[in-house]
């Protein structure tokens, strides 16, 4: 499987502009990659205090991405501000009724979802969003994937590859500011090595509507924590990496660290 990491700026609170930019980048990947990994909240930026930007799963964002996935034959991964239940109308979803919904839109197939588990209180996310209570594993073309949405990266229990074979690759989508980028660098590497998996982690670049600067540092590592893709600071661009399941299986069998794991049960947040 080939995964494309797309590092680029997000236009603050402008869905139409961001959907156009995403389409240009995804179209260029046709026949070159199986999965396109976009930054967190690619269609709006990290607009935690803009509930009016929320959509249902049959709204403009997912509908557009489904058309792109079907047209170009590529799965698309990111997150969006989503109305988290089946009730219609924003009036019913204000006040912790929204979710930061991670998703994988696949060609001609159902959308797979993983809501963000850990809400970033420092950025006001906890005031408008509710946290995931269940962990999902995506599967596409025989590859199992777990999605972490930005702040989730800091919490190893949520990402833990408990059986040693829960998933093959961690996907991370983020809006992670430059002021804390040293933690991003350390955490991405840690999540990969402790779970004996591939990891592909995408961050945005540019300055958002609140004046926060983002300098990227998107990266992918293989099972031996070797760089598969890196970006220069502030670089706008795309990198494509290839996931080799046989290499991953061999590495886990030769060095089965997961057998020495601690047992635990995930709790719930309400």
C-alpha atoms as a PDB file:
ATOM      1  CA  UNK A   1       0.000   0.000   0.000  1.00  0.00           C
ATOM      2  CA  UNK A   2       1.173   3.535  -0.799  1.00  0.00           C
ATOM      3  CA  UNK A   3       0.258   6.377   1.552  1.00  0.00           C
ATOM      4  CA  UNK A   4       0.584  10.027   0.521  1.00  0.00           C
ATOM      5  CA  UNK A   5       1.311  12.656   3.172  1.00  0.00           C
ATOM      6  CA  UNK A   6      -0.028  16.082   2.157  1.00  0.00           C
ATOM      7  CA  UNK A   7       1.474  19.008   4.098  1.00  0.00           C
ATOM      8  CA  UNK A   8       0.006  22.386   3.188  1.00  0.00           C
ATOM      9  CA  UNK A   9      -1.720  25.510   4.596  1.00  0.00           C
ATOM     10  CA  UNK A  10      -5.432  25.561   5.464  1.00  0.00           C
ATOM     11  CA  UNK A  11      -7.575  28.587   4.627  1.00  0.00           C
ATOM     12  CA  UNK A  12      -9.232  29.642   7.878  1.00  0.00           C
ATOM     13  CA  UNK A  13     -12.978  28.873   8.036  1.00  0.00           C
ATOM     14  CA  UNK A  14     -13.372  28.681   4.231  1.00  0.00           C
ATOM     15  CA  UNK A  15     -14.758  25.293   3.198  1.00  0.00           C
ATOM     16  CA  UNK A  16     -15.006  26.015  -0.505  1.00  0.00           C
ATOM     17  CA  UNK A  17     -11.415  27.220  -0.798  1.00  0.00           C
ATOM     18  CA  UNK A  18     -10.111  24.244   1.174  1.00  0.00           C
ATOM     19  CA  UNK A  19     -12.144  21.727  -0.809  1.00  0.00           C
ATOM     20  CA  UNK A  20     -10.745  23.173  -4.040  1.00  0.00           C
ATOM     21  CA  UNK A  21      -7.196  22.909  -2.704  1.00  0.00           C
ATOM     22  CA  UNK A  22      -7.784  19.340  -1.552  1.00  0.00           C
ATOM     23  CA  UNK A  23      -9.173  18.353  -4.942  1.00  0.00           C
ATOM     24  CA  UNK A  24      -6.118  19.719  -6.745  1.00  0.00           C
ATOM     25  CA  UNK A  25      -3.779  17.733  -4.523  1.00  0.00           C
ATOM     26  CA  UNK A  26      -5.803  14.528  -4.576  1.00  0.00           C
ATOM     27  CA  UNK A  27      -6.238  14.611  -8.356  1.00  0.00           C
ATOM     28  CA  UNK A  28      -2.454  14.762  -8.717  1.00  0.00           C
ATOM     29  CA  UNK A  29      -2.179  11.470  -6.788  1.00  0.00           C
ATOM     30  CA  UNK A  30      -4.366   9.414  -9.131  1.00  0.00           C
ATOM     31  CA  UNK A  31      -2.589   6.142  -9.892  1.00  0.00           C
ATOM     32  CA  UNK A  32       0.280   7.025  -7.535  1.00  0.00           C
ATOM     33  CA  UNK A  33      -1.107   6.387  -4.023  1.00  0.00           C
ATOM     34  CA  UNK A  34      -3.785   4.326  -2.290  1.00  0.00           C
ATOM     35  CA  UNK A  35      -4.402   6.657   0.664  1.00  0.00           C
ATOM     36  CA  UNK A  36      -4.189  10.457   0.919  1.00  0.00           C
ATOM     37  CA  UNK A  37      -3.533  11.773   4.428  1.00  0.00           C
ATOM     38  CA  UNK A  38      -4.620  15.401   4.945  1.00  0.00           C
ATOM     39  CA  UNK A  39      -4.168  17.624   8.029  1.00  0.00           C
ATOM     40  CA  UNK A  40      -6.773  17.671  10.800  1.00  0.00           C
ATOM     41  CA  UNK A  41      -9.907  19.738  10.017  1.00  0.00           C
ATOM     42  CA  UNK A  42      -8.568  20.254   6.502  1.00  0.00           C
ATOM     43  CA  UNK A  43     -11.757  22.011   5.360  1.00  0.00           C
ATOM     44  CA  UNK A  44     -11.912  24.702   8.068  1.00  0.00           C
ATOM     45  CA  UNK A  45      -8.771  24.864  10.174  1.00  0.00           C
ATOM     46  CA  UNK A  46      -8.915  24.229  13.926  1.00  0.00           C
ATOM     47  CA  UNK A  47     -12.070  26.347  14.360  1.00  0.00           C
ATOM     48  CA  UNK A  48     -13.200  24.927  17.681  1.00  0.00           C
ATOM     49  CA  UNK A  49     -15.471  27.901  18.440  1.00  0.00           C
ATOM     50  CA  UNK A  50     -17.311  27.929  15.103  1.00  0.00           C
ATOM     51  CA  UNK A  51     -20.177  25.419  15.514  1.00  0.00           C
ATOM     52  CA  UNK A  52     -21.848  26.910  12.447  1.00  0.00           C
ATOM     53  CA  UNK A  53     -19.181  25.125  10.367  1.00  0.00           C
ATOM     54  CA  UNK A  54     -20.386  21.711  11.547  1.00  0.00           C
ATOM     55  CA  UNK A  55     -21.866  19.298   9.030  1.00  0.00           C
ATOM     56  CA  UNK A  56     -23.697  16.001   8.996  1.00  0.00           C
ATOM     57  CA  UNK A  57     -21.940  13.044   7.428  1.00  0.00           C
ATOM     58  CA  UNK A  58     -23.961  13.590   4.256  1.00  0.00           C
ATOM     59  CA  UNK A  59     -22.898  17.240   4.051  1.00  0.00           C
ATOM     60  CA  UNK A  60     -20.734  19.065   1.541  1.00  0.00           C
ATOM     61  CA  UNK A  61     -17.366  17.917   2.885  1.00  0.00           C
ATOM     62  CA  UNK A  62     -17.923  14.165   2.918  1.00  0.00           C
ATOM     63  CA  UNK A  63     -20.002  14.284  -0.294  1.00  0.00           C
ATOM     64  CA  UNK A  64     -17.161  16.087  -2.076  1.00  0.00           C
ATOM     65  CA  UNK A  65     -14.525  13.705  -0.733  1.00  0.00           C
ATOM     66  CA  UNK A  66     -16.583  10.683  -1.746  1.00  0.00           C
ATOM     67  CA  UNK A  67     -16.716  12.019  -5.306  1.00  0.00           C
ATOM     68  CA  UNK A  68     -12.950  12.530  -5.280  1.00  0.00           C
ATOM     69  CA  UNK A  69     -12.294   9.077  -3.829  1.00  0.00           C
ATOM     70  CA  UNK A  70     -14.514   7.454  -6.463  1.00  0.00           C
ATOM     71  CA  UNK A  71     -13.064   9.525  -9.316  1.00  0.00           C
ATOM     72  CA  UNK A  72      -9.390   9.138  -8.505  1.00  0.00           C
ATOM     73  CA  UNK A  73      -9.429   5.736  -6.825  1.00  0.00           C
ATOM     74  CA  UNK A  74      -7.850   6.893  -3.586  1.00  0.00           C
ATOM     75  CA  UNK A  75      -8.955   6.719   0.063  1.00  0.00           C
ATOM     76  CA  UNK A  76      -8.921  10.067   1.900  1.00  0.00           C
ATOM     77  CA  UNK A  77      -8.195  10.543   5.614  1.00  0.00           C
ATOM     78  CA  UNK A  78      -8.648  13.663   7.750  1.00  0.00           C
ATOM     79  CA  UNK A  79     -11.184  15.046  10.251  1.00  0.00           C
ATOM     80  CA  UNK A  80     -14.062  17.525  10.255  1.00  0.00           C
ATOM     81  CA  UNK A  81     -16.368  19.348  12.640  1.00  0.00           C
ATOM     82  CA  UNK A  82     -19.318  16.991  12.644  1.00  0.00           C
ATOM     83  CA  UNK A  83     -22.777  16.848  14.121  1.00  0.00           C
ATOM     84  CA  UNK A  84     -22.332  13.811  16.286  1.00  0.00           C
ATOM     85  CA  UNK A  85     -25.850  12.414  16.409  1.00  0.00           C
ATOM     86  CA  UNK A  86     -28.680  11.911  13.957  1.00  0.00           C
ATOM     87  CA  UNK A  87     -30.716  14.924  14.991  1.00  0.00           C
ATOM     88  CA  UNK A  88     -30.978  17.730  12.451  1.00  0.00           C
ATOM     89  CA  UNK A  89     -30.246  21.382  12.985  1.00  0.00           C
ATOM     90  CA  UNK A  90     -27.426  23.259  14.706  1.00  0.00           C
ATOM     91  CA  UNK A  91     -29.752  24.511  17.436  1.00  0.00           C
ATOM     92  CA  UNK A  92     -29.896  20.968  18.764  1.00  0.00           C
ATOM     93  CA  UNK A  93     -26.179  20.324  18.705  1.00  0.00           C
ATOM     94  CA  UNK A  94     -24.711  23.376  20.407  1.00  0.00           C
ATOM     95  CA  UNK A  95     -22.942  22.701  23.696  1.00  0.00           C
ATOM     96  CA  UNK A  96     -20.839  19.544  23.478  1.00  0.00           C
ATOM     97  CA  UNK A  97     -23.023  17.902  20.843  1.00  0.00           C
ATOM     98  CA  UNK A  98     -20.363  18.128  18.132  1.00  0.00           C
ATOM     99  CA  UNK A  99     -17.407  15.854  17.474  1.00  0.00           C
ATOM    100  CA  UNK A 100     -14.030  16.266  15.826  1.00  0.00           C
ATOM    101  CA  UNK A 101     -14.675  13.332  13.512  1.00  0.00           C
ATOM    102  CA  UNK A 102     -11.728  11.505  12.010  1.00  0.00           C
ATOM    103  CA  UNK A 103     -12.641   9.565   8.896  1.00  0.00           C
ATOM    104  CA  UNK A 104     -11.488   7.484   5.963  1.00  0.00           C
ATOM    105  CA  UNK A 105     -13.509   7.943   2.773  1.00  0.00           C
ATOM    106  CA  UNK A 106     -12.849   4.983   0.479  1.00  0.00           C
ATOM    107  CA  UNK A 107     -13.648   4.590  -3.216  1.00  0.00           C
ATOM    108  CA  UNK A 108     -17.135   3.186  -3.714  1.00  0.00           C
ATOM    109  CA  UNK A 109     -17.425   2.059  -0.113  1.00  0.00           C
ATOM    110  CA  UNK A 110     -18.679   3.068   3.338  1.00  0.00           C
ATOM    111  CA  UNK A 111     -16.984   5.871   5.268  1.00  0.00           C
ATOM    112  CA  UNK A 112     -15.029   4.618   8.280  1.00  0.00           C
ATOM    113  CA  UNK A 113     -14.969   6.938  11.311  1.00  0.00           C
ATOM    114  CA  UNK A 114     -12.962   7.487  14.479  1.00  0.00           C
ATOM    115  CA  UNK A 115     -13.942  10.482  16.595  1.00  0.00           C
ATOM    116  CA  UNK A 116     -11.205  12.295  18.460  1.00  0.00           C
ATOM    117  CA  UNK A 117     -10.787  10.835  21.935  1.00  0.00           C
ATOM    118  CA  UNK A 118      -8.810  13.551  23.726  1.00  0.00           C
ATOM    119  CA  UNK A 119     -10.191  17.080  23.555  1.00  0.00           C
ATOM    120  CA  UNK A 120      -7.678  19.916  23.699  1.00  0.00           C
ATOM    121  CA  UNK A 121      -8.993  22.070  26.546  1.00  0.00           C
ATOM    122  CA  UNK A 122      -6.252  24.688  26.104  1.00  0.00           C
ATOM    123  CA  UNK A 123      -7.666  25.343  22.639  1.00  0.00           C
ATOM    124  CA  UNK A 124     -11.312  25.345  23.788  1.00  0.00           C
ATOM    125  CA  UNK A 125     -12.148  22.039  22.129  1.00  0.00           C
ATOM    126  CA  UNK A 126     -13.772  20.615  25.265  1.00  0.00           C
ATOM    127  CA  UNK A 127     -16.368  23.411  25.315  1.00  0.00           C
ATOM    128  CA  UNK A 128     -17.964  22.447  22.022  1.00  0.00           C
ATOM    129  CA  UNK A 129     -17.043  18.821  21.364  1.00  0.00           C
ATOM    130  CA  UNK A 130     -17.619  15.452  22.948  1.00  0.00           C
ATOM    131  CA  UNK A 131     -14.966  12.755  23.118  1.00  0.00           C
ATOM    132  CA  UNK A 132     -14.950   9.326  21.520  1.00  0.00           C
ATOM    133  CA  UNK A 133     -15.703   6.418  23.825  1.00  0.00           C
ATOM    134  CA  UNK A 134     -14.784   3.612  21.446  1.00  0.00           C
ATOM    135  CA  UNK A 135     -11.695   2.883  19.397  1.00  0.00           C
ATOM    136  CA  UNK A 136     -12.089   1.771  15.790  1.00  0.00           C
ATOM    137  CA  UNK A 137      -9.632   0.137  13.416  1.00  0.00           C
ATOM    138  CA  UNK A 138      -9.929   0.989   9.740  1.00  0.00           C
ATOM    139  CA  UNK A 139      -9.216  -1.569   7.060  1.00  0.00           C
ATOM    140  CA  UNK A 140      -8.505  -0.889   3.396  1.00  0.00           C
ATOM    141  CA  UNK A 141      -6.854  -3.095   0.783  1.00  0.00           C
ATOM    142  CA  UNK A 142      -5.886  -5.609   3.469  1.00  0.00           C
ATOM    143  CA  UNK A 143      -4.092  -3.063   5.677  1.00  0.00           C
ATOM    144  CA  UNK A 144      -5.351  -2.306   9.186  1.00  0.00           C
ATOM    145  CA  UNK A 145      -5.028   1.279  10.388  1.00  0.00           C
ATOM    146  CA  UNK A 146      -5.702   3.231  13.542  1.00  0.00           C
ATOM    147  CA  UNK A 147      -6.333   6.957  13.271  1.00  0.00           C
ATOM    148  CA  UNK A 148      -5.150   9.441  15.895  1.00  0.00           C
ATOM    149  CA  UNK A 149      -6.495  12.982  15.688  1.00  0.00           C
ATOM    150  CA  UNK A 150      -3.844  15.500  16.784  1.00  0.00           C
ATOM    151  CA  UNK A 151      -3.946  15.642  20.632  1.00  0.00           C
ATOM    152  CA  UNK A 152      -4.624  11.881  20.731  1.00  0.00           C
ATOM    153  CA  UNK A 153      -0.939  11.489  19.892  1.00  0.00           C
ATOM    154  CA  UNK A 154      -0.002  12.411  23.472  1.00  0.00           C
ATOM    155  CA  UNK A 155      -1.839   9.460  25.040  1.00  0.00           C
ATOM    156  CA  UNK A 156      -0.140   6.075  24.571  1.00  0.00           C
ATOM    157  CA  UNK A 157      -2.907   3.949  26.109  1.00  0.00           C
ATOM    158  CA  UNK A 158      -5.393   5.022  23.416  1.00  0.00           C
ATOM    159  CA  UNK A 159      -2.887   4.148  20.690  1.00  0.00           C
ATOM    160  CA  UNK A 160      -1.690   0.911  22.239  1.00  0.00           C
ATOM    161  CA  UNK A 161      -1.349  -2.061  19.876  1.00  0.00           C
ATOM    162  CA  UNK A 162      -2.650  -4.391  22.555  1.00  0.00           C
ATOM    163  CA  UNK A 163      -2.523  -7.721  20.741  1.00  0.00           C
ATOM    164  CA  UNK A 164       0.569  -6.862  18.737  1.00  0.00           C
ATOM    165  CA  UNK A 165      -1.551  -7.170  15.598  1.00  0.00           C
ATOM    166  CA  UNK A 166      -4.441  -4.738  16.204  1.00  0.00           C
ATOM    167  CA  UNK A 167      -3.266  -2.597  13.315  1.00  0.00           C
ATOM    168  CA  UNK A 168      -0.402  -2.240  10.858  1.00  0.00           C
ATOM    169  CA  UNK A 169      -0.047   1.522  10.627  1.00  0.00           C
ATOM    170  CA  UNK A 170      -0.883   4.511  12.794  1.00  0.00           C
ATOM    171  CA  UNK A 171      -2.258   7.460  10.838  1.00  0.00           C
ATOM    172  CA  UNK A 172      -2.058  10.877  12.507  1.00  0.00           C
ATOM    173  CA  UNK A 173      -3.791  14.047  11.289  1.00  0.00           C
ATOM    174  CA  UNK A 174      -2.989  17.263  13.116  1.00  0.00           C
ATOM    175  CA  UNK A 175      -2.950  21.024  13.524  1.00  0.00           C
ATOM    176  CA  UNK A 176       0.110  21.082  15.796  1.00  0.00           C
ATOM    177  CA  UNK A 177       1.611  24.570  16.311  1.00  0.00           C
ATOM    178  CA  UNK A 178       5.267  25.409  15.896  1.00  0.00           C
ATOM    179  CA  UNK A 179       5.592  26.500  19.527  1.00  0.00           C
ATOM    180  CA  UNK A 180       5.110  22.864  20.627  1.00  0.00           C
ATOM    181  CA  UNK A 181       6.602  21.076  17.629  1.00  0.00           C
ATOM    182  CA  UNK A 182       9.406  19.469  19.671  1.00  0.00           C
ATOM    183  CA  UNK A 183       6.774  17.359  21.433  1.00  0.00           C
ATOM    184  CA  UNK A 184       5.282  16.295  18.112  1.00  0.00           C
ATOM    185  CA  UNK A 185       8.671  15.074  16.911  1.00  0.00           C
ATOM    186  CA  UNK A 186       9.207  12.991  20.039  1.00  0.00           C
ATOM    187  CA  UNK A 187       5.668  11.623  20.291  1.00  0.00           C
ATOM    188  CA  UNK A 188       5.388  10.461  16.687  1.00  0.00           C
ATOM    189  CA  UNK A 189       8.571   8.434  17.050  1.00  0.00           C
ATOM    190  CA  UNK A 190       7.492   7.051  20.430  1.00  0.00           C
ATOM    191  CA  UNK A 191       4.088   5.863  19.207  1.00  0.00           C
ATOM    192  CA  UNK A 192       5.735   4.049  16.289  1.00  0.00           C
ATOM    193  CA  UNK A 193       8.427   2.224  18.243  1.00  0.00           C
ATOM    194  CA  UNK A 194       6.302   1.216  21.238  1.00  0.00           C
ATOM    195  CA  UNK A 195       3.643  -0.285  18.954  1.00  0.00           C
ATOM    196  CA  UNK A 196       5.981  -1.893  16.416  1.00  0.00           C
ATOM    197  CA  UNK A 197       4.108  -0.389  13.513  1.00  0.00           C
ATOM    198  CA  UNK A 198       4.434   1.964  10.602  1.00  0.00           C
ATOM    199  CA  UNK A 199       3.357   5.538  11.242  1.00  0.00           C
ATOM    200  CA  UNK A 200       2.392   8.362   8.884  1.00  0.00           C
ATOM    201  CA  UNK A 201       1.753  11.704  10.589  1.00  0.00           C
ATOM    202  CA  UNK A 202       0.623  14.860   8.797  1.00  0.00           C
ATOM    203  CA  UNK A 203       0.612  18.406  10.143  1.00  0.00           C
ATOM    204  CA  UNK A 204      -0.284  21.645   8.399  1.00  0.00           C
ATOM    205  CA  UNK A 205       1.840  24.728   7.697  1.00  0.00           C
ATOM    206  CA  UNK A 206       1.028  28.445   7.694  1.00  0.00           C
ATOM    207  CA  UNK A 207      -0.742  30.736  10.175  1.00  0.00           C
ATOM    208  CA  UNK A 208      -4.325  30.227  11.325  1.00  0.00           C
ATOM    209  CA  UNK A 209      -7.096  32.714  12.063  1.00  0.00           C
ATOM    210  CA  UNK A 210      -5.988  33.008  15.686  1.00  0.00           C
ATOM    211  CA  UNK A 211      -2.399  33.858  14.780  1.00  0.00           C
ATOM    212  CA  UNK A 212      -0.895  30.454  15.605  1.00  0.00           C
ATOM    213  CA  UNK A 213       1.939  29.405  13.308  1.00  0.00           C
ATOM    214  CA  UNK A 214       2.365  25.851  12.027  1.00  0.00           C
ATOM    215  CA  UNK A 215       5.612  24.595  10.528  1.00  0.00           C
ATOM    216  CA  UNK A 216       4.718  21.047   9.526  1.00  0.00           C
ATOM    217  CA  UNK A 217       7.272  18.361  10.473  1.00  0.00           C
ATOM    218  CA  UNK A 218       5.076  15.729   8.812  1.00  0.00           C
ATOM    219  CA  UNK A 219       6.904  12.408   8.833  1.00  0.00           C
ATOM    220  CA  UNK A 220       6.611   8.665   8.239  1.00  0.00           C
ATOM    221  CA  UNK A 221       8.622   5.915   9.916  1.00  0.00           C
ATOM    222  CA  UNK A 222       8.933   2.232   9.154  1.00  0.00           C
ATOM    223  CA  UNK A 223       9.048  -0.618  11.663  1.00  0.00           C
ATOM    224  CA  UNK A 224      12.698   0.079  12.492  1.00  0.00           C
ATOM    225  CA  UNK A 225      12.032   3.769  13.124  1.00  0.00           C
ATOM    226  CA  UNK A 226      13.827   4.724   9.919  1.00  0.00           C
ATOM    227  CA  UNK A 227      12.651   7.858   8.115  1.00  0.00           C
ATOM    228  CA  UNK A 228      10.484   7.055   5.114  1.00  0.00           C
ATOM    229  CA  UNK A 229       9.414  10.632   4.478  1.00  0.00           C
ATOM    230  CA  UNK A 230      10.276  14.004   5.920  1.00  0.00           C
ATOM    231  CA  UNK A 231       9.496  17.617   5.056  1.00  0.00           C
ATOM    232  CA  UNK A 232      11.576  20.741   5.460  1.00  0.00           C
ATOM    233  CA  UNK A 233      10.147  23.207   8.011  1.00  0.00           C
ATOM    234  CA  UNK A 234       7.283  25.233   6.474  1.00  0.00           C
ATOM    235  CA  UNK A 235       7.471  23.215   3.256  1.00  0.00           C
ATOM    236  CA  UNK A 236       4.297  22.748   1.235  1.00  0.00           C
ATOM    237  CA  UNK A 237       4.321  19.441  -0.597  1.00  0.00           C
ATOM    238  CA  UNK A 238       3.494  15.745  -0.858  1.00  0.00           C
ATOM    239  CA  UNK A 239       5.473  12.610   0.004  1.00  0.00           C
ATOM    240  CA  UNK A 240       4.476   9.033  -0.809  1.00  0.00           C
ATOM    241  CA  UNK A 241       5.575   6.053   1.285  1.00  0.00           C
ATOM    242  CA  UNK A 242       5.017   2.326   0.790  1.00  0.00           C
ATOM    243  CA  UNK A 243       3.796  -0.033   3.511  1.00  0.00           C
ATOM    244  CA  UNK A 244       5.203  -3.583   3.355  1.00  0.00           C
ATOM    245  CA  UNK A 245       3.137  -5.971   5.458  1.00  0.00           C
ATOM    246  CA  UNK A 246       5.562  -8.860   5.077  1.00  0.00           C
ATOM    247  CA  UNK A 247       8.408  -6.787   6.506  1.00  0.00           C
ATOM    248  CA  UNK A 248       6.165  -5.721   9.374  1.00  0.00           C
ATOM    249  CA  UNK A 249       5.133  -9.318  10.110  1.00  0.00           C
ATOM    250  CA  UNK A 250       8.731 -10.518  10.066  1.00  0.00           C
ATOM    251  CA  UNK A 251       9.856  -7.755  12.438  1.00  0.00           C
ATOM    252  CA  UNK A 252       7.088  -8.552  14.933  1.00  0.00           C
ATOM    253  CA  UNK A 253       7.867 -12.264  14.846  1.00  0.00           C
ATOM    254  CA  UNK A 254      11.627 -11.834  15.269  1.00  0.00           C
ATOM    255  CA  UNK A 255      11.232  -9.325  18.101  1.00  0.00           C
ATOM    256  CA  UNK A 256       7.779  -9.945  19.679  1.00  0.00           C
ATOM    257  CA  UNK A 257       7.881  -7.151  22.235  1.00  0.00           C
ATOM    258  CA  UNK A 258       4.092  -7.066  22.393  1.00  0.00           C
ATOM    259  CA  UNK A 259       4.092 -10.348  24.313  1.00  0.00           C
ATOM    260  CA  UNK A 260       5.587  -8.546  27.320  1.00  0.00           C
ATOM    261  CA  UNK A 261       2.868  -5.895  27.377  1.00  0.00           C
ATOM    262  CA  UNK A 262       0.908  -4.760  30.430  1.00  0.00           C
ATOM    263  CA  UNK A 263      -2.789  -5.582  30.422  1.00  0.00           C
ATOM    264  CA  UNK A 264      -5.342  -2.794  30.801  1.00  0.00           C
ATOM    265  CA  UNK A 265      -8.947  -1.898  30.003  1.00  0.00           C
ATOM    266  CA  UNK A 266      -9.828   1.400  28.340  1.00  0.00           C
ATOM    267  CA  UNK A 267     -12.238   3.563  30.310  1.00  0.00           C
ATOM    268  CA  UNK A 268     -14.830   5.925  28.886  1.00  0.00           C
ATOM    269  CA  UNK A 269     -15.318   9.672  28.819  1.00  0.00           C
ATOM    270  CA  UNK A 270     -18.802  11.138  28.845  1.00  0.00           C
END
